[in-house]
Amino acid sequence: MAVHKIEHVGIKVSSLETSIDFYRDVIGLTLAETVGKPGDRLRLAFLSFPGQASVEVELIESLWEGLPDEGRVSHIAFTVSDIEAEYQRIESLGLEGLTAIRQLESGSRFFFFDGPDHEKIEFFASTRKV
């Protein structure tokens, strides 16, 4: 099969600048590229973790009414190494939608919070061997 990796996850946003700041400052992603300028009908930003540019988050700011809403991403999950420390950091930022830390039967732990456009962000501490 020729399909071999996730290229990027696209998230519709209302303000490219606000979302770039959020994903940089809260999540730790690095801005790789922006496409378009303020006022354009479509603007994009591509972000990834430093040294891990093989999978990106694409932020999509669109003034096009024709860009579909269906198929919106339920959430985007990021692996964390210290879930308690990250929970305290996110809680100190006062971000909306913060849930309690939950645990799966496997022992993996996670919590959710909202991004700038109320997209769900998950921080996930896996017990799976990778």
N, C-alpha and C. Protein backbone atom coordinates (compact mmCIF):
# COMPACT_ATOMS: atom_id res chain seq x y z
N MET A 1 0.85 -1.19 0.00
CA MET A 1 0.00 0.00 0.00
C MET A 1 0.88 1.24 0.00
N ALA A 2 0.50 2.26 -0.74
CA ALA A 2 1.29 3.48 -0.87
C ALA A 2 1.07 4.48 0.25
N VAL A 3 0.02 4.30 1.06
CA VAL A 3 -0.24 5.21 2.16
C VAL A 3 0.65 4.81 3.33
N HIS A 4 1.41 5.77 3.89
CA HIS A 4 2.37 5.37 4.92
C HIS A 4 2.49 6.30 6.11
N LYS A 5 1.78 7.44 6.13
CA LYS A 5 1.83 8.28 7.33
C LYS A 5 0.75 9.33 7.28
N ILE A 6 0.46 9.92 8.44
CA ILE A 6 -0.42 11.08 8.48
C ILE A 6 0.41 12.29 8.08
N GLU A 7 -0.05 13.05 7.12
CA GLU A 7 0.64 14.26 6.67
C GLU A 7 0.36 15.42 7.62
N HIS A 8 -0.93 15.72 7.80
CA HIS A 8 -1.31 16.79 8.72
C HIS A 8 -2.76 16.62 9.14
N VAL A 9 -3.13 17.31 10.21
CA VAL A 9 -4.50 17.38 10.67
C VAL A 9 -4.93 18.82 10.49
N GLY A 10 -6.03 19.05 9.77
CA GLY A 10 -6.51 20.40 9.50
C GLY A 10 -7.59 20.81 10.49
N ILE A 11 -7.44 22.01 11.06
CA ILE A 11 -8.40 22.53 12.03
C ILE A 11 -8.86 23.90 11.56
N LYS A 12 -10.18 24.06 11.39
CA LYS A 12 -10.73 25.37 11.01
C LYS A 12 -10.67 26.29 12.22
N VAL A 13 -10.18 27.52 12.00
CA VAL A 13 -10.03 28.48 13.08
C VAL A 13 -10.62 29.82 12.65
N SER A 14 -10.99 30.64 13.63
CA SER A 14 -11.54 31.95 13.30
C SER A 14 -10.47 33.02 13.19
N SER A 15 -9.34 32.85 13.87
CA SER A 15 -8.24 33.81 13.79
C SER A 15 -6.92 33.04 13.70
N LEU A 16 -6.27 33.17 12.57
CA LEU A 16 -5.02 32.44 12.36
C LEU A 16 -3.97 32.87 13.40
N GLU A 17 -3.87 34.16 13.65
CA GLU A 17 -2.86 34.65 14.59
C GLU A 17 -3.11 34.14 16.02
N THR A 18 -4.37 34.19 16.46
CA THR A 18 -4.71 33.70 17.80
C THR A 18 -4.38 32.22 17.93
N SER A 19 -4.73 31.45 16.91
CA SER A 19 -4.49 30.00 16.96
C SER A 19 -3.00 29.67 16.84
N ILE A 20 -2.25 30.41 16.03
CA ILE A 20 -0.80 30.19 15.95
C ILE A 20 -0.19 30.42 17.33
N ASP A 21 -0.57 31.52 17.98
CA ASP A 21 -0.05 31.81 19.32
C ASP A 21 -0.38 30.69 20.29
N PHE A 22 -1.63 30.21 20.25
CA PHE A 22 -2.06 29.14 21.16
C PHE A 22 -1.25 27.86 20.95
N TYR A 23 -1.17 27.40 19.71
CA TYR A 23 -0.49 26.14 19.44
C TYR A 23 1.02 26.25 19.66
N ARG A 24 1.57 27.45 19.52
CA ARG A 24 2.99 27.68 19.82
C ARG A 24 3.21 27.75 21.34
N ASP A 25 2.46 28.62 22.02
CA ASP A 25 2.71 28.92 23.43
C ASP A 25 2.18 27.85 24.39
N VAL A 26 1.04 27.25 24.08
CA VAL A 26 0.43 26.27 24.98
C VAL A 26 0.89 24.85 24.65
N ILE A 27 0.93 24.51 23.38
CA ILE A 27 1.25 23.13 22.97
C ILE A 27 2.76 22.95 22.72
N GLY A 28 3.44 23.98 22.26
CA GLY A 28 4.87 23.88 22.00
C GLY A 28 5.24 23.62 20.55
N LEU A 29 4.28 23.83 19.64
CA LEU A 29 4.58 23.63 18.22
C LEU A 29 5.36 24.82 17.67
N THR A 30 6.04 24.59 16.55
CA THR A 30 6.81 25.61 15.86
C THR A 30 6.14 25.91 14.52
N LEU A 31 6.01 27.18 14.20
CA LEU A 31 5.42 27.58 12.92
C LEU A 31 6.41 27.30 11.80
N ALA A 32 5.99 26.52 10.82
CA ALA A 32 6.83 26.19 9.67
C ALA A 32 6.55 27.12 8.50
N GLU A 33 5.25 27.44 8.28
CA GLU A 33 4.90 28.21 7.09
C GLU A 33 3.50 28.78 7.24
N THR A 34 3.29 29.96 6.68
CA THR A 34 1.94 30.50 6.52
C THR A 34 1.71 30.73 5.04
N VAL A 35 0.46 30.59 4.64
CA VAL A 35 0.06 30.82 3.26
C VAL A 35 -1.06 31.84 3.29
N GLY A 36 -0.94 32.90 2.49
CA GLY A 36 -1.94 33.96 2.45
C GLY A 36 -1.58 35.08 3.41
N LYS A 37 -2.30 36.19 3.24
CA LYS A 37 -2.07 37.36 4.08
C LYS A 37 -3.40 37.82 4.65
N PRO A 38 -3.39 38.63 5.72
CA PRO A 38 -4.65 39.10 6.30
C PRO A 38 -5.57 39.70 5.23
N GLY A 39 -6.83 39.30 5.29
CA GLY A 39 -7.82 39.76 4.32
C GLY A 39 -8.06 38.80 3.17
N ASP A 40 -7.13 37.85 2.95
CA ASP A 40 -7.33 36.85 1.91
C ASP A 40 -8.48 35.93 2.31
N ARG A 41 -9.13 35.36 1.31
CA ARG A 41 -10.27 34.47 1.59
C ARG A 41 -9.86 33.16 2.23
N LEU A 42 -8.61 32.77 2.03
CA LEU A 42 -8.12 31.53 2.63
C LEU A 42 -6.70 31.76 3.11
N ARG A 43 -6.46 31.46 4.38
CA ARG A 43 -5.12 31.55 4.96
C ARG A 43 -4.84 30.25 5.71
N LEU A 44 -3.60 29.80 5.63
CA LEU A 44 -3.20 28.55 6.25
C LEU A 44 -1.93 28.77 7.07
N ALA A 45 -1.79 27.96 8.09
CA ALA A 45 -0.54 27.91 8.85
C ALA A 45 -0.23 26.45 9.12
N PHE A 46 1.03 26.09 9.01
CA PHE A 46 1.49 24.72 9.25
C PHE A 46 2.46 24.75 10.42
N LEU A 47 2.18 23.93 11.43
CA LEU A 47 3.00 23.86 12.64
C LEU A 47 3.36 22.42 12.95
N SER A 48 4.50 22.22 13.60
CA SER A 48 4.91 20.88 14.02
C SER A 48 5.82 21.02 15.23
N PHE A 49 6.15 19.88 15.82
CA PHE A 49 7.11 19.90 16.92
C PHE A 49 8.52 20.05 16.36
N PRO A 50 9.37 20.78 17.06
CA PRO A 50 10.76 20.90 16.60
C PRO A 50 11.39 19.52 16.41
N GLY A 51 11.99 19.32 15.27
CA GLY A 51 12.63 18.04 14.97
C GLY A 51 11.68 16.92 14.58
N GLN A 52 10.37 17.20 14.51
CA GLN A 52 9.38 16.19 14.16
C GLN A 52 8.41 16.74 13.11
N ALA A 53 8.94 17.22 12.04
CA ALA A 53 8.12 17.87 11.02
C ALA A 53 7.38 16.89 10.12
N SER A 54 7.43 15.61 10.41
CA SER A 54 6.78 14.63 9.52
C SER A 54 5.27 14.64 9.65
N VAL A 55 4.73 15.16 10.76
CA VAL A 55 3.29 15.31 10.93
C VAL A 55 3.03 16.73 11.41
N GLU A 56 2.12 17.42 10.72
CA GLU A 56 1.86 18.82 11.04
C GLU A 56 0.41 19.05 11.43
N VAL A 57 0.19 20.15 12.13
CA VAL A 57 -1.14 20.67 12.37
C VAL A 57 -1.32 21.82 11.37
N GLU A 58 -2.39 21.75 10.58
CA GLU A 58 -2.70 22.81 9.62
C GLU A 58 -3.87 23.61 10.18
N LEU A 59 -3.65 24.90 10.37
CA LEU A 59 -4.72 25.80 10.80
C LEU A 59 -5.31 26.45 9.56
N ILE A 60 -6.64 26.48 9.47
CA ILE A 60 -7.33 26.96 8.28
C ILE A 60 -8.24 28.11 8.67
N GLU A 61 -7.92 29.31 8.19
CA GLU A 61 -8.79 30.47 8.38
C GLU A 61 -9.40 30.78 7.02
N SER A 62 -10.73 30.70 6.94
CA SER A 62 -11.38 30.85 5.64
C SER A 62 -12.54 31.81 5.71
N LEU A 63 -12.57 32.73 4.77
CA LEU A 63 -13.72 33.60 4.58
C LEU A 63 -14.66 33.04 3.52
N TRP A 64 -14.30 31.91 2.92
CA TRP A 64 -15.14 31.24 1.94
C TRP A 64 -16.32 30.60 2.65
N GLU A 65 -17.49 30.90 2.18
CA GLU A 65 -18.65 30.23 2.75
C GLU A 65 -18.79 28.82 2.21
N GLY A 66 -18.08 28.51 1.14
CA GLY A 66 -18.18 27.20 0.53
C GLY A 66 -17.31 26.14 1.17
N LEU A 67 -16.40 26.53 2.09
CA LEU A 67 -15.56 25.53 2.73
C LEU A 67 -16.41 24.71 3.70
N PRO A 68 -16.51 23.42 3.50
CA PRO A 68 -17.46 22.62 4.29
C PRO A 68 -17.10 22.53 5.76
N ASP A 69 -18.13 22.40 6.60
CA ASP A 69 -17.95 22.20 8.03
C ASP A 69 -17.97 20.72 8.40
N GLU A 70 -18.56 19.88 7.53
CA GLU A 70 -18.66 18.47 7.88
C GLU A 70 -17.27 17.84 7.97
N GLY A 71 -17.20 16.82 8.75
CA GLY A 71 -15.93 16.13 8.91
C GLY A 71 -14.99 16.84 9.88
N ARG A 72 -15.54 17.74 10.68
CA ARG A 72 -14.68 18.43 11.65
C ARG A 72 -13.99 17.42 12.55
N VAL A 73 -12.80 17.76 12.94
CA VAL A 73 -12.02 16.89 13.82
C VAL A 73 -12.65 16.88 15.20
N SER A 74 -12.81 15.72 15.80
CA SER A 74 -13.36 15.60 17.15
C SER A 74 -12.39 16.20 18.15
N HIS A 75 -11.13 15.80 18.06
CA HIS A 75 -10.10 16.33 18.93
C HIS A 75 -8.73 15.99 18.36
N ILE A 76 -7.72 16.64 18.89
CA ILE A 76 -6.35 16.32 18.52
C ILE A 76 -5.62 16.00 19.83
N ALA A 77 -4.89 14.90 19.84
CA ALA A 77 -4.23 14.42 21.05
C ALA A 77 -2.72 14.57 20.92
N PHE A 78 -2.11 14.98 22.03
CA PHE A 78 -0.67 15.13 22.11
C PHE A 78 -0.14 14.27 23.25
N THR A 79 0.95 13.56 23.01
CA THR A 79 1.58 12.74 24.04
C THR A 79 2.31 13.63 25.03
N VAL A 80 2.13 13.35 26.32
CA VAL A 80 2.85 14.08 27.37
C VAL A 80 3.56 13.06 28.25
N SER A 81 4.67 13.48 28.85
CA SER A 81 5.43 12.56 29.70
C SER A 81 5.07 12.69 31.17
N ASP A 82 4.53 13.83 31.59
CA ASP A 82 4.15 14.03 32.99
C ASP A 82 2.76 14.65 33.02
N ILE A 83 1.75 13.80 33.09
CA ILE A 83 0.37 14.27 32.96
C ILE A 83 -0.03 15.20 34.10
N GLU A 84 0.44 14.93 35.30
CA GLU A 84 0.08 15.79 36.43
C GLU A 84 0.65 17.20 36.26
N ALA A 85 1.93 17.29 35.85
CA ALA A 85 2.56 18.59 35.65
C ALA A 85 1.86 19.36 34.53
N GLU A 86 1.51 18.67 33.46
CA GLU A 86 0.83 19.35 32.35
C GLU A 86 -0.57 19.78 32.75
N TYR A 87 -1.23 18.97 33.55
CA TYR A 87 -2.56 19.35 34.03
C TYR A 87 -2.47 20.63 34.86
N GLN A 88 -1.51 20.70 35.75
CA GLN A 88 -1.34 21.90 36.57
C GLN A 88 -1.01 23.12 35.72
N ARG A 89 -0.16 22.94 34.69
CA ARG A 89 0.20 24.05 33.80
C ARG A 89 -1.03 24.55 33.04
N ILE A 90 -1.80 23.64 32.47
CA ILE A 90 -2.99 24.04 31.72
C ILE A 90 -4.01 24.68 32.66
N GLU A 91 -4.19 24.12 33.84
CA GLU A 91 -5.11 24.70 34.82
C GLU A 91 -4.69 26.12 35.19
N SER A 92 -3.40 26.37 35.32
CA SER A 92 -2.92 27.71 35.68
C SER A 92 -3.15 28.73 34.58
N LEU A 93 -3.32 28.26 33.35
CA LEU A 93 -3.60 29.16 32.22
C LEU A 93 -5.06 29.56 32.16
N GLY A 94 -5.91 28.89 32.93
CA GLY A 94 -7.33 29.23 32.96
C GLY A 94 -8.06 28.91 31.67
N LEU A 95 -7.62 27.90 30.95
CA LEU A 95 -8.25 27.55 29.67
C LEU A 95 -9.61 26.88 29.92
N GLU A 96 -10.55 27.15 29.01
CA GLU A 96 -11.89 26.58 29.12
C GLU A 96 -11.90 25.10 28.79
N GLY A 97 -12.94 24.42 29.27
CA GLY A 97 -13.19 23.03 28.90
C GLY A 97 -12.28 22.02 29.58
N LEU A 98 -11.53 22.43 30.59
CA LEU A 98 -10.61 21.51 31.25
C LEU A 98 -11.39 20.44 32.01
N THR A 99 -11.09 19.19 31.69
CA THR A 99 -11.71 18.05 32.37
C THR A 99 -10.76 17.53 33.44
N ALA A 100 -11.25 16.66 34.27
CA ALA A 100 -10.39 15.96 35.22
C ALA A 100 -9.51 14.98 34.45
N ILE A 101 -8.41 14.58 35.05
CA ILE A 101 -7.58 13.51 34.48
C ILE A 101 -8.37 12.21 34.62
N ARG A 102 -8.47 11.48 33.52
CA ARG A 102 -9.19 10.20 33.51
C ARG A 102 -8.21 9.09 33.17
N GLN A 103 -8.61 7.86 33.48
CA GLN A 103 -7.75 6.72 33.21
C GLN A 103 -8.51 5.64 32.46
N LEU A 104 -7.87 5.09 31.42
CA LEU A 104 -8.42 3.95 30.69
C LEU A 104 -8.09 2.67 31.44
N GLU A 105 -8.76 1.59 31.08
CA GLU A 105 -8.47 0.29 31.69
C GLU A 105 -7.02 -0.11 31.51
N SER A 106 -6.40 0.35 30.43
CA SER A 106 -5.00 0.02 30.14
C SER A 106 -4.03 0.75 31.07
N GLY A 107 -4.53 1.77 31.78
CA GLY A 107 -3.67 2.58 32.64
C GLY A 107 -3.27 3.90 32.01
N SER A 108 -3.48 4.04 30.71
CA SER A 108 -3.20 5.32 30.05
C SER A 108 -4.09 6.39 30.66
N ARG A 109 -3.55 7.60 30.78
CA ARG A 109 -4.30 8.69 31.41
C ARG A 109 -4.38 9.88 30.45
N PHE A 110 -5.45 10.67 30.60
CA PHE A 110 -5.67 11.77 29.66
C PHE A 110 -6.58 12.83 30.27
N PHE A 111 -6.54 14.02 29.67
CA PHE A 111 -7.52 15.06 29.97
C PHE A 111 -7.69 15.93 28.73
N PHE A 112 -8.80 16.65 28.71
CA PHE A 112 -9.13 17.53 27.59
C PHE A 112 -9.21 18.98 28.05
N PHE A 113 -9.02 19.89 27.08
CA PHE A 113 -9.28 21.32 27.28
C PHE A 113 -9.56 21.91 25.91
N ASP A 114 -10.04 23.14 25.90
CA ASP A 114 -10.45 23.78 24.65
C ASP A 114 -9.33 24.65 24.07
N GLY A 115 -9.26 24.61 22.73
CA GLY A 115 -8.42 25.55 22.00
C GLY A 115 -9.19 26.85 21.77
N PRO A 116 -8.60 27.80 21.04
CA PRO A 116 -9.22 29.11 20.86
C PRO A 116 -10.58 29.09 20.17
N ASP A 117 -10.86 28.08 19.34
CA ASP A 117 -12.15 27.97 18.66
C ASP A 117 -12.98 26.83 19.23
N HIS A 118 -12.72 26.49 20.46
CA HIS A 118 -13.42 25.42 21.19
C HIS A 118 -13.15 24.04 20.60
N GLU A 119 -12.06 23.92 19.80
CA GLU A 119 -11.65 22.58 19.39
C GLU A 119 -11.11 21.87 20.62
N LYS A 120 -11.32 20.59 20.69
CA LYS A 120 -10.91 19.81 21.85
C LYS A 120 -9.45 19.38 21.69
N ILE A 121 -8.66 19.66 22.72
CA ILE A 121 -7.27 19.26 22.78
C ILE A 121 -7.16 18.20 23.87
N GLU A 122 -6.47 17.11 23.57
CA GLU A 122 -6.26 16.07 24.56
C GLU A 122 -4.77 15.94 24.84
N PHE A 123 -4.41 15.88 26.12
CA PHE A 123 -3.07 15.51 26.52
C PHE A 123 -3.17 14.07 27.03
N PHE A 124 -2.31 13.20 26.52
CA PHE A 124 -2.43 11.76 26.70
C PHE A 124 -1.11 11.18 27.16
N ALA A 125 -1.13 10.45 28.27
CA ALA A 125 0.04 9.74 28.78
C ALA A 125 -0.23 8.25 28.59
N SER A 126 0.40 7.67 27.62
CA SER A 126 0.13 6.29 27.22
C SER A 126 0.95 5.29 28.02
N THR A 127 0.36 4.13 28.24
CA THR A 127 1.09 3.01 28.83
C THR A 127 1.56 2.04 27.74
N ARG A 128 1.20 2.32 26.49
CA ARG A 128 1.60 1.45 25.38
C ARG A 128 3.10 1.57 25.14
N LYS A 129 3.71 0.47 24.81
CA LYS A 129 5.14 0.46 24.43
C LYS A 129 5.22 0.85 22.98
N VAL A 130 6.02 1.87 22.70
CA VAL A 130 6.16 2.32 21.32
C VAL A 130 7.53 2.03 20.80
